[in-house]
Full PDB file with SEQRES, HELIX, SHEET, SSBOND, CRYST1, ORIGX, SCALE, CONECT and MASTER records, all heavy atoms in Angstrom:
SEQRES   1 A   37  PRO VAL ASP LEU LEU PHE HIS GLU THR THR TYR LEU ASP          
SEQRES   2 A   37  ASP ARG LEU ALA ASP ALA ILE GLU ARG GLY HIS SER THR          
SEQRES   3 A   37  ALA THR GLN ALA ALA THR VAL ALA ARG ASP ALA                  
HELIX    1 AA1 ASP A   13  ARG A   15  5                                   3    
HELIX    2 AA2 LEU A   16  ARG A   22  1                                   7    
HELIX    3 AA3 ALA A   27  ASP A   36  1                                  10    
CRYST1    1.000    1.000    1.000  90.00  90.00  90.00 P 1           1          
ORIGX1      1.000000  0.000000  0.000000        0.00000                         
ORIGX2      0.000000  1.000000  0.000000        0.00000                         
ORIGX3      0.000000  0.000000  1.000000        0.00000                         
SCALE1      1.000000  0.000000  0.000000        0.00000                         
SCALE2      0.000000  1.000000  0.000000        0.00000                         
SCALE3      0.000000  0.000000  1.000000        0.00000                         
ATOM      1  N   PRO A   1      49.874 116.125  77.851  1.00  0.00           N  
ATOM      2  CA  PRO A   1      49.878 117.535  78.285  1.00  0.00           C  
ATOM      3  C   PRO A   1      50.445 118.481  77.229  1.00  0.00           C  
ATOM      4  O   PRO A   1      51.640 118.772  77.191  1.00  0.00           O  
ATOM      5  CB  PRO A   1      50.757 117.508  79.534  1.00  0.00           C  
ATOM      6  CG  PRO A   1      51.676 116.354  79.323  1.00  0.00           C  
ATOM      7  CD  PRO A   1      50.890 115.328  78.563  1.00  0.00           C  
ATOM      8  N   VAL A   2      49.609 118.954  76.325  1.00  0.00           N  
ATOM      9  CA  VAL A   2      50.049 119.875  75.269  1.00  0.00           C  
ATOM     10  C   VAL A   2      49.857 121.328  75.704  1.00  0.00           C  
ATOM     11  O   VAL A   2      49.081 121.633  76.607  1.00  0.00           O  
ATOM     12  CB  VAL A   2      49.261 119.621  73.961  1.00  0.00           C  
ATOM     13  CG1 VAL A   2      49.620 118.274  73.376  1.00  0.00           C  
ATOM     14  CG2 VAL A   2      47.753 119.720  74.204  1.00  0.00           C  
ATOM     15  N   ASP A   3      50.572 122.214  75.028  1.00  0.00           N  
ATOM     16  CA  ASP A   3      50.445 123.644  75.341  1.00  0.00           C  
ATOM     17  C   ASP A   3      49.119 124.201  74.863  1.00  0.00           C  
ATOM     18  O   ASP A   3      48.518 125.053  75.516  1.00  0.00           O  
ATOM     19  CB  ASP A   3      51.605 124.422  74.705  1.00  0.00           C  
ATOM     20  CG  ASP A   3      52.925 124.108  75.373  1.00  0.00           C  
ATOM     21  OD1 ASP A   3      53.229 124.744  76.395  1.00  0.00           O  
ATOM     22  OD2 ASP A   3      53.648 123.212  74.897  1.00  0.00           O  
ATOM     23  N   LEU A   4      48.658 123.735  73.700  1.00  0.00           N  
ATOM     24  CA  LEU A   4      47.372 124.185  73.159  1.00  0.00           C  
ATOM     25  C   LEU A   4      46.655 123.011  72.534  1.00  0.00           C  
ATOM     26  O   LEU A   4      47.238 122.271  71.737  1.00  0.00           O  
ATOM     27  CB  LEU A   4      47.581 125.283  72.111  1.00  0.00           C  
ATOM     28  CG  LEU A   4      46.315 125.782  71.400  1.00  0.00           C  
ATOM     29  CD1 LEU A   4      45.378 126.476  72.389  1.00  0.00           C  
ATOM     30  CD2 LEU A   4      46.677 126.731  70.254  1.00  0.00           C  
ATOM     31  N   LEU A   5      45.398 122.844  72.895  1.00  0.00           N  
ATOM     32  CA  LEU A   5      44.557 121.803  72.314  1.00  0.00           C  
ATOM     33  C   LEU A   5      43.392 122.449  71.582  1.00  0.00           C  
ATOM     34  O   LEU A   5      42.585 123.157  72.192  1.00  0.00           O  
ATOM     35  CB  LEU A   5      44.016 120.879  73.412  1.00  0.00           C  
ATOM     36  CG  LEU A   5      42.867 119.934  73.004  1.00  0.00           C  
ATOM     37  CD1 LEU A   5      43.324 118.936  71.948  1.00  0.00           C  
ATOM     38  CD2 LEU A   5      42.289 119.216  74.223  1.00  0.00           C  
ATOM     39  N   PHE A   6      43.326 122.250  70.262  1.00  0.00           N  
ATOM     40  CA  PHE A   6      42.089 122.542  69.548  1.00  0.00           C  
ATOM     41  C   PHE A   6      41.267 121.265  69.558  1.00  0.00           C  
ATOM     42  O   PHE A   6      41.729 120.215  69.086  1.00  0.00           O  
ATOM     43  CB  PHE A   6      42.343 122.967  68.095  1.00  0.00           C  
ATOM     44  CG  PHE A   6      41.073 122.946  67.274  1.00  0.00           C  
ATOM     45  CD1 PHE A   6      40.159 123.972  67.372  1.00  0.00           C  
ATOM     46  CD2 PHE A   6      40.781 121.867  66.442  1.00  0.00           C  
ATOM     47  CE1 PHE A   6      38.959 123.927  66.649  1.00  0.00           C  
ATOM     48  CE2 PHE A   6      39.600 121.811  65.710  1.00  0.00           C  
ATOM     49  CZ  PHE A   6      38.692 122.858  65.819  1.00  0.00           C  
ATOM     50  N   HIS A   7      40.075 121.348  70.109  1.00  0.00           N  
ATOM     51  CA  HIS A   7      39.160 120.210  70.110  1.00  0.00           C  
ATOM     52  C   HIS A   7      37.811 120.720  69.643  1.00  0.00           C  
ATOM     53  O   HIS A   7      37.270 121.682  70.183  1.00  0.00           O  
ATOM     54  CB  HIS A   7      39.035 119.604  71.505  1.00  0.00           C  
ATOM     55  CG  HIS A   7      38.312 118.284  71.544  1.00  0.00           C  
ATOM     56  ND1 HIS A   7      36.989 118.157  71.164  1.00  0.00           N  
ATOM     57  CD2 HIS A   7      38.721 117.041  71.919  1.00  0.00           C  
ATOM     58  CE1 HIS A   7      36.615 116.894  71.310  1.00  0.00           C  
ATOM     59  NE2 HIS A   7      37.642 116.194  71.762  1.00  0.00           N  
ATOM     60  N   GLU A   8      37.267 120.084  68.612  1.00  0.00           N  
ATOM     61  CA  GLU A   8      36.003 120.553  68.065  1.00  0.00           C  
ATOM     62  C   GLU A   8      34.929 120.715  69.128  1.00  0.00           C  
ATOM     63  O   GLU A   8      34.816 119.910  70.052  1.00  0.00           O  
ATOM     64  CB  GLU A   8      35.529 119.602  66.977  1.00  0.00           C  
ATOM     65  CG  GLU A   8      35.052 118.242  67.460  1.00  0.00           C  
ATOM     66  CD  GLU A   8      33.612 117.948  67.037  1.00  0.00           C  
ATOM     67  OE1 GLU A   8      32.695 118.534  67.653  1.00  0.00           O  
ATOM     68  OE2 GLU A   8      33.417 117.132  66.121  1.00  0.00           O  
ATOM     69  N   THR A   9      34.139 121.783  69.000  1.00  0.00           N  
ATOM     70  CA  THR A   9      32.993 122.038  69.882  1.00  0.00           C  
ATOM     71  C   THR A   9      31.800 122.349  68.963  1.00  0.00           C  
ATOM     72  O   THR A   9      31.327 123.475  68.919  1.00  0.00           O  
ATOM     73  CB  THR A   9      33.270 123.221  70.827  1.00  0.00           C  
ATOM     74  OG1 THR A   9      33.660 124.378  70.035  1.00  0.00           O  
ATOM     75  CG2 THR A   9      34.390 122.914  71.790  1.00  0.00           C  
ATOM     76  N   THR A  10      31.353 121.343  68.247  1.00  0.00           N  
ATOM     77  CA  THR A  10      30.281 121.564  67.279  1.00  0.00           C  
ATOM     78  C   THR A  10      28.980 121.956  67.962  1.00  0.00           C  
ATOM     79  O   THR A  10      28.235 122.809  67.464  1.00  0.00           O  
ATOM     80  CB  THR A  10      30.059 120.296  66.426  1.00  0.00           C  
ATOM     81  OG1 THR A  10      31.291 119.926  65.812  1.00  0.00           O  
ATOM     82  CG2 THR A  10      29.016 120.529  65.348  1.00  0.00           C  
ATOM     83  N   TYR A  11      28.702 121.341  69.122  1.00  0.00           N  
ATOM     84  CA  TYR A  11      27.428 121.560  69.795  1.00  0.00           C  
ATOM     85  C   TYR A  11      27.629 121.964  71.254  1.00  0.00           C  
ATOM     86  O   TYR A  11      28.713 121.805  71.826  1.00  0.00           O  
ATOM     87  CB  TYR A  11      26.587 120.278  69.765  1.00  0.00           C  
ATOM     88  CG  TYR A  11      26.178 119.829  68.385  1.00  0.00           C  
ATOM     89  CD1 TYR A  11      26.794 118.732  67.776  1.00  0.00           C  
ATOM     90  CD2 TYR A  11      25.164 120.484  67.679  1.00  0.00           C  
ATOM     91  CE1 TYR A  11      26.407 118.301  66.513  1.00  0.00           C  
ATOM     92  CE2 TYR A  11      24.782 120.052  66.416  1.00  0.00           C  
ATOM     93  CZ  TYR A  11      25.403 118.966  65.837  1.00  0.00           C  
ATOM     94  OH  TYR A  11      25.026 118.552  64.594  1.00  0.00           O  
ATOM     95  N   LEU A  12      26.550 122.460  71.827  1.00  0.00           N  
ATOM     96  CA  LEU A  12      26.453 122.649  73.270  1.00  0.00           C  
ATOM     97  C   LEU A  12      25.727 121.437  73.847  1.00  0.00           C  
ATOM     98  O   LEU A  12      25.216 120.589  73.108  1.00  0.00           O  
ATOM     99  CB  LEU A  12      25.687 123.931  73.592  1.00  0.00           C  
ATOM    100  CG  LEU A  12      26.314 125.236  73.063  1.00  0.00           C  
ATOM    101  CD1 LEU A  12      25.361 126.402  73.276  1.00  0.00           C  
ATOM    102  CD2 LEU A  12      27.655 125.497  73.730  1.00  0.00           C  
ATOM    103  N   ASP A  13      25.653 121.369  75.148  1.00  0.00           N  
ATOM    104  CA  ASP A  13      25.020 120.208  75.787  1.00  0.00           C  
ATOM    105  C   ASP A  13      23.547 120.061  75.428  1.00  0.00           C  
ATOM    106  O   ASP A  13      22.979 118.973  75.546  1.00  0.00           O  
ATOM    107  CB  ASP A  13      25.171 120.305  77.310  1.00  0.00           C  
ATOM    108  CG  ASP A  13      26.547 119.853  77.777  1.00  0.00           C  
ATOM    109  OD1 ASP A  13      27.268 119.219  76.978  1.00  0.00           O  
ATOM    110  OD2 ASP A  13      26.919 120.152  78.923  1.00  0.00           O  
ATOM    111  N   ASP A  14      22.914 121.151  74.976  1.00  0.00           N  
ATOM    112  CA  ASP A  14      21.498 121.062  74.607  1.00  0.00           C  
ATOM    113  C   ASP A  14      21.296 120.199  73.365  1.00  0.00           C  
ATOM    114  O   ASP A  14      20.173 119.782  73.053  1.00  0.00           O  
ATOM    115  CB  ASP A  14      20.913 122.460  74.383  1.00  0.00           C  
ATOM    116  CG  ASP A  14      21.534 123.179  73.187  1.00  0.00           C  
ATOM    117  OD1 ASP A  14      22.665 122.821  72.798  1.00  0.00           O  
ATOM    118  OD2 ASP A  14      20.882 124.105  72.646  1.00  0.00           O  
ATOM    119  N   ARG A  15      22.384 119.923  72.642  1.00  0.00           N  
ATOM    120  CA  ARG A  15      22.301 119.090  71.439  1.00  0.00           C  
ATOM    121  C   ARG A  15      23.181 117.843  71.582  1.00  0.00           C  
ATOM    122  O   ARG A  15      23.754 117.358  70.592  1.00  0.00           O  
ATOM    123  CB  ARG A  15      22.753 119.895  70.220  1.00  0.00           C  
ATOM    124  CG  ARG A  15      21.837 121.055  69.883  1.00  0.00           C  
ATOM    125  CD  ARG A  15      20.615 120.587  69.132  1.00  0.00           C  
ATOM    126  NE  ARG A  15      19.702 121.678  68.853  1.00  0.00           N  
ATOM    127  CZ  ARG A  15      18.590 121.566  68.127  1.00  0.00           C  
ATOM    128  NH1 ARG A  15      18.288 120.390  67.610  1.00  0.00           N  
ATOM    129  NH2 ARG A  15      17.799 122.601  67.927  1.00  0.00           N  
ATOM    130  N   LEU A  16      23.271 117.327  72.780  1.00  0.00           N  
ATOM    131  CA  LEU A  16      24.116 116.163  73.032  1.00  0.00           C  
ATOM    132  C   LEU A  16      23.688 114.972  72.167  1.00  0.00           C  
ATOM    133  O   LEU A  16      24.533 114.239  71.639  1.00  0.00           O  
ATOM    134  CB  LEU A  16      24.070 115.774  74.515  1.00  0.00           C  
ATOM    135  CG  LEU A  16      24.872 114.525  74.915  1.00  0.00           C  
ATOM    136  CD1 LEU A  16      26.344 114.695  74.569  1.00  0.00           C  
ATOM    137  CD2 LEU A  16      24.683 114.226  76.395  1.00  0.00           C  
ATOM    138  N   ALA A  17      22.383 114.785  71.995  1.00  0.00           N  
ATOM    139  CA  ALA A  17      21.893 113.665  71.179  1.00  0.00           C  
ATOM    140  C   ALA A  17      22.368 113.801  69.736  1.00  0.00           C  
ATOM    141  O   ALA A  17      22.759 112.815  69.099  1.00  0.00           O  
ATOM    142  CB  ALA A  17      20.371 113.600  71.237  1.00  0.00           C  
ATOM    143  N   ASP A  18      22.356 115.029  69.204  1.00  0.00           N  
ATOM    144  CA  ASP A  18      22.851 115.254  67.845  1.00  0.00           C  
ATOM    145  C   ASP A  18      24.347 114.972  67.758  1.00  0.00           C  
ATOM    146  O   ASP A  18      24.835 114.411  66.770  1.00  0.00           O  
ATOM    147  CB  ASP A  18      22.583 116.701  67.418  1.00  0.00           C  
ATOM    148  CG  ASP A  18      21.103 116.966  67.173  1.00  0.00           C  
ATOM    149  OD1 ASP A  18      20.366 115.994  66.933  1.00  0.00           O  
ATOM    150  OD2 ASP A  18      20.699 118.140  67.228  1.00  0.00           O  
ATOM    151  N   ALA A  19      25.092 115.378  68.782  1.00  0.00           N  
ATOM    152  CA  ALA A  19      26.537 115.147  68.802  1.00  0.00           C  
ATOM    153  C   ALA A  19      26.843 113.654  68.745  1.00  0.00           C  
ATOM    154  O   ALA A  19      27.702 113.210  67.971  1.00  0.00           O  
ATOM    155  CB  ALA A  19      27.151 115.776  70.054  1.00  0.00           C  
ATOM    156  N   ILE A  20      26.128 112.883  69.531  1.00  0.00           N  
ATOM    157  CA  ILE A  20      26.350 111.435  69.559  1.00  0.00           C  
ATOM    158  C   ILE A  20      25.994 110.807  68.212  1.00  0.00           C  
ATOM    159  O   ILE A  20      26.745 109.988  67.670  1.00  0.00           O  
ATOM    160  CB  ILE A  20      25.528 110.788  70.692  1.00  0.00           C  
ATOM    161  CG1 ILE A  20      26.048 111.274  72.059  1.00  0.00           C  
ATOM    162  CG2 ILE A  20      25.584 109.268  70.600  1.00  0.00           C  
ATOM    163  CD1 ILE A  20      25.176 110.849  73.228  1.00  0.00           C  
ATOM    164  N   GLU A  21      24.860 111.220  67.659  1.00  0.00           N  
ATOM    165  CA  GLU A  21      24.390 110.639  66.390  1.00  0.00           C  
ATOM    166  C   GLU A  21      25.328 110.969  65.233  1.00  0.00           C  
ATOM    167  O   GLU A  21      25.585 110.122  64.361  1.00  0.00           O  
ATOM    168  CB  GLU A  21      22.991 111.161  66.077  1.00  0.00           C  
ATOM    169  CG  GLU A  21      22.428 110.647  64.761  1.00  0.00           C  
ATOM    170  CD  GLU A  21      21.076 111.268  64.417  1.00  0.00           C  
ATOM    171  OE1 GLU A  21      20.529 112.008  65.267  1.00  0.00           O  
ATOM    172  OE2 GLU A  21      20.592 111.018  63.295  1.00  0.00           O  
ATOM    173  N   ARG A  22      25.896 112.183  65.220  1.00  0.00           N  
ATOM    174  CA  ARG A  22      26.666 112.646  64.067  1.00  0.00           C  
ATOM    175  C   ARG A  22      28.183 112.576  64.258  1.00  0.00           C  
ATOM    176  O   ARG A  22      28.943 113.025  63.401  1.00  0.00           O  
ATOM    177  CB  ARG A  22      26.247 114.082  63.736  1.00  0.00           C  
ATOM    178  CG  ARG A  22      24.772 114.155  63.352  1.00  0.00           C  
ATOM    179  CD  ARG A  22      24.263 115.566  63.250  1.00  0.00           C  
ATOM    180  NE  ARG A  22      22.817 115.572  63.009  1.00  0.00           N  
ATOM    181  CZ  ARG A  22      22.070 116.667  62.969  1.00  0.00           C  
ATOM    182  NH1 ARG A  22      22.636 117.863  63.142  1.00  0.00           N  
ATOM    183  NH2 ARG A  22      20.778 116.581  62.743  1.00  0.00           N  
ATOM    184  N   GLY A  23      28.616 112.010  65.374  1.00  0.00           N  
ATOM    185  CA  GLY A  23      30.042 111.865  65.590  1.00  0.00           C  
ATOM    186  C   GLY A  23      30.747 113.167  65.886  1.00  0.00           C  
ATOM    187  O   GLY A  23      31.828 113.439  65.353  1.00  0.00           O  
ATOM    188  N   HIS A  24      30.135 113.984  66.752  1.00  0.00           N  
ATOM    189  CA  HIS A  24      30.723 115.265  67.139  1.00  0.00           C  
ATOM    190  C   HIS A  24      30.767 115.378  68.657  1.00  0.00           C  
ATOM    191  O   HIS A  24      30.307 114.490  69.383  1.00  0.00           O  
ATOM    192  CB  HIS A  24      29.932 116.429  66.539  1.00  0.00           C  
ATOM    193  CG  HIS A  24      30.138 116.590  65.064  1.00  0.00           C  
ATOM    194  ND1 HIS A  24      31.351 116.937  64.519  1.00  0.00           N  
ATOM    195  CD2 HIS A  24      29.277 116.438  64.011  1.00  0.00           C  
ATOM    196  CE1 HIS A  24      31.243 117.001  63.208  1.00  0.00           C  
ATOM    197  NE2 HIS A  24      29.994 116.696  62.867  1.00  0.00           N  
ATOM    198  N   SER A  25      31.315 116.488  69.127  1.00  0.00           N  
ATOM    199  CA  SER A  25      31.463 116.709  70.570  1.00  0.00           C  
ATOM    200  C   SER A  25      30.805 118.006  70.986  1.00  0.00           C  
ATOM    201  O   SER A  25      30.621 118.926  70.174  1.00  0.00           O  
ATOM    202  CB  SER A  25      32.956 116.762  70.953  1.00  0.00           C  
ATOM    203  OG  SER A  25      33.608 115.556  70.669  1.00  0.00           O  
ATOM    204  N   THR A  26      30.474 118.087  72.271  1.00  0.00           N  
ATOM    205  CA  THR A  26      29.974 119.324  72.849  1.00  0.00           C  
ATOM    206  C   THR A  26      31.130 120.090  73.477  1.00  0.00           C  
ATOM    207  O   THR A  26      32.233 119.557  73.673  1.00  0.00           O  
ATOM    208  CB  THR A  26      28.919 119.042  73.929  1.00  0.00           C  
ATOM    209  OG1 THR A  26      29.562 118.421  75.059  1.00  0.00           O  
ATOM    210  CG2 THR A  26      27.807 118.150  73.399  1.00  0.00           C  
ATOM    211  N   ALA A  27      30.873 121.350  73.825  1.00  0.00           N  
ATOM    212  CA  ALA A  27      31.898 122.170  74.478  1.00  0.00           C  
ATOM    213  C   ALA A  27      32.302 121.553  75.811  1.00  0.00           C  
ATOM    214  O   ALA A  27      33.482 121.574  76.188  1.00  0.00           O  
ATOM    215  CB  ALA A  27      31.383 123.592  74.678  1.00  0.00           C  
ATOM    216  N   THR A  28      31.343 120.983  76.521  1.00  0.00           N  
ATOM    217  CA  THR A  28      31.649 120.332  77.801  1.00  0.00           C  
ATOM    218  C   THR A  28      32.587 119.144  77.595  1.00  0.00           C  
ATOM    219  O   THR A  28      33.548 118.947  78.349  1.00  0.00           O  
ATOM    220  CB  THR A  28      30.350 119.856  78.483  1.00  0.00           C  
ATOM    221  OG1 THR A  28      29.555 120.993  78.810  1.00  0.00           O  
ATOM    222  CG2 THR A  28      30.650 119.069  79.747  1.00  0.00           C  
ATOM    223  N   GLN A  29      32.322 118.354  76.579  1.00  0.00           N  
ATOM    224  CA  GLN A  29      33.157 117.183  76.310  1.00  0.00           C  
ATOM    225  C   GLN A  29      34.568 117.597  75.894  1.00  0.00           C  
ATOM    226  O   GLN A  29      35.553 116.987  76.319  1.00  0.00           O  
ATOM    227  CB  GLN A  29      32.500 116.315  75.240  1.00  0.00           C  
ATOM    228  CG  GLN A  29      31.231 115.634  75.720  1.00  0.00           C  
ATOM    229  CD  GLN A  29      30.472 114.934  74.607  1.00  0.00           C  
ATOM    230  OE1 GLN A  29      30.528 115.342  73.440  1.00  0.00           O  
ATOM    231  NE2 GLN A  29      29.759 113.875  74.952  1.00  0.00           N  
ATOM    232  N   ALA A  30      34.678 118.624  75.076  1.00  0.00           N  
ATOM    233  CA  ALA A  30      36.000 119.112  74.671  1.00  0.00           C  
ATOM    234  C   ALA A  30      36.783 119.603  75.881  1.00  0.00           C  
ATOM    235  O   ALA A  30      37.986 119.339  76.021  1.00  0.00           O  
ATOM    236  CB  ALA A  30      35.860 120.239  73.653  1.00  0.00           C  
ATOM    237  N   ALA A  31      36.113 120.320  76.764  1.00  0.00           N  
ATOM    238  CA  ALA A  31      36.765 120.825  77.971  1.00  0.00           C  
ATOM    239  C   ALA A  31      37.202 119.676  78.877  1.00  0.00           C  
ATOM    240  O   ALA A  31      38.250 119.754  79.533  1.00  0.00           O  
ATOM    241  CB  ALA A  31      35.826 121.756  78.713  1.00  0.00           C  
ATOM    242  N   THR A  32      36.418 118.617  78.909  1.00  0.00           N  
ATOM    243  CA  THR A  32      36.777 117.442  79.712  1.00  0.00           C  
ATOM    244  C   THR A  32      38.052 116.802  79.191  1.00  0.00           C  
ATOM    245  O   THR A  32      38.933 116.418  79.965  1.00  0.00           O  
ATOM    246  CB  THR A  32      35.622 116.420  79.697  1.00  0.00           C  
ATOM    247  OG1 THR A  32      34.436 117.037  80.222  1.00  0.00           O  
ATOM    248  CG2 THR A  32      35.969 115.201  80.544  1.00  0.00           C  
ATOM    249  N   VAL A  33      38.177 116.696  77.857  1.00  0.00           N  
ATOM    250  CA  VAL A  33      39.395 116.150  77.261  1.00  0.00           C  
ATOM    251  C   VAL A  33      40.588 117.042  77.587  1.00  0.00           C  
ATOM    252  O   VAL A  33      41.667 116.551  77.943  1.00  0.00           O  
ATOM    253  CB  VAL A  33      39.236 115.991  75.734  1.00  0.00           C  
ATOM    254  CG1 VAL A  33      40.566 115.575  75.096  1.00  0.00           C  
ATOM    255  CG2 VAL A  33      38.159 114.976  75.406  1.00  0.00           C  
ATOM    256  N   ALA A  34      40.417 118.354  77.486  1.00  0.00           N  
ATOM    257  CA  ALA A  34      41.506 119.293  77.788  1.00  0.00           C  
ATOM    258  C   ALA A  34      41.950 119.142  79.234  1.00  0.00           C  
ATOM    259  O   ALA A  34      43.152 119.101  79.531  1.00  0.00           O  
ATOM    260  CB  ALA A  34      41.054 120.719  77.505  1.00  0.00           C  
ATOM    261  N   ARG A  35      40.991 119.070  80.128  1.00  0.00           N  
ATOM    262  CA  ARG A  35      41.306 118.911  81.564  1.00  0.00           C  
ATOM    263  C   ARG A  35      42.041 117.598  81.819  1.00  0.00           C  
ATOM    264  O   ARG A  35      43.086 117.581  82.486  1.00  0.00           O  
ATOM    265  CB  ARG A  35      40.010 118.944  82.378  1.00  0.00           C  
ATOM    266  CG  ARG A  35      40.198 118.791  83.883  1.00  0.00           C  
ATOM    267  CD  ARG A  35      38.886 118.411  84.545  1.00  0.00           C  
ATOM    268  NE  ARG A  35      38.424 117.076  84.114  1.00  0.00           N  
ATOM    269  CZ  ARG A  35      37.176 116.624  84.274  1.00  0.00           C  
ATOM    270  NH1 ARG A  35      36.261 117.391  84.839  1.00  0.00           N  
ATOM    271  NH2 ARG A  35      36.855 115.399  83.875  1.00  0.00           N  
ATOM    272  N   ASP A  36      41.531 116.506  81.275  1.00  0.00           N  
ATOM    273  CA  ASP A  36      42.115 115.197  81.542  1.00  0.00           C  
ATOM    274  C   ASP A  36      43.475 115.010  80.865  1.00  0.00           C  
ATOM    275  O   ASP A  36      44.304 114.232  81.336  1.00  0.00           O  
ATOM    276  CB  ASP A  36      41.149 114.095  81.085  1.00  0.00           C  
ATOM    277  CG  ASP A  36      39.853 114.088  81.890  1.00  0.00           C  
ATOM    278  OD1 ASP A  36      39.812 114.760  82.951  1.00  0.00           O  
ATOM    279  OD2 ASP A  36      38.889 113.426  81.463  1.00  0.00           O  
ATOM    280  N   ALA A  37      43.701 115.723  79.751  1.00  0.00           N  
ATOM    281  CA  ALA A  37      44.976 115.615  79.044  1.00  0.00           C  
ATOM    282  C   ALA A  37      46.068 116.449  79.712  1.00  0.00           C  
ATOM    283  O   ALA A  37      47.245 116.242  79.449  1.00  0.00           O  
ATOM    284  CB  ALA A  37      44.813 116.052  77.594  1.00  0.00           C  
TER     285      ALA A  37                                                      
MASTER        0    0    0    3    0    0    0    6  284    1    0    3          
END                                                                             
């Protein structure tokens, strides 16, 4: 539980396949990490 989390949001969900292939995250995935942390 940190006060501020910077988590990369290279792509949106429309490019989920690119995110997986290139080792990046979508905004949805970053938000999920923030919520769960």
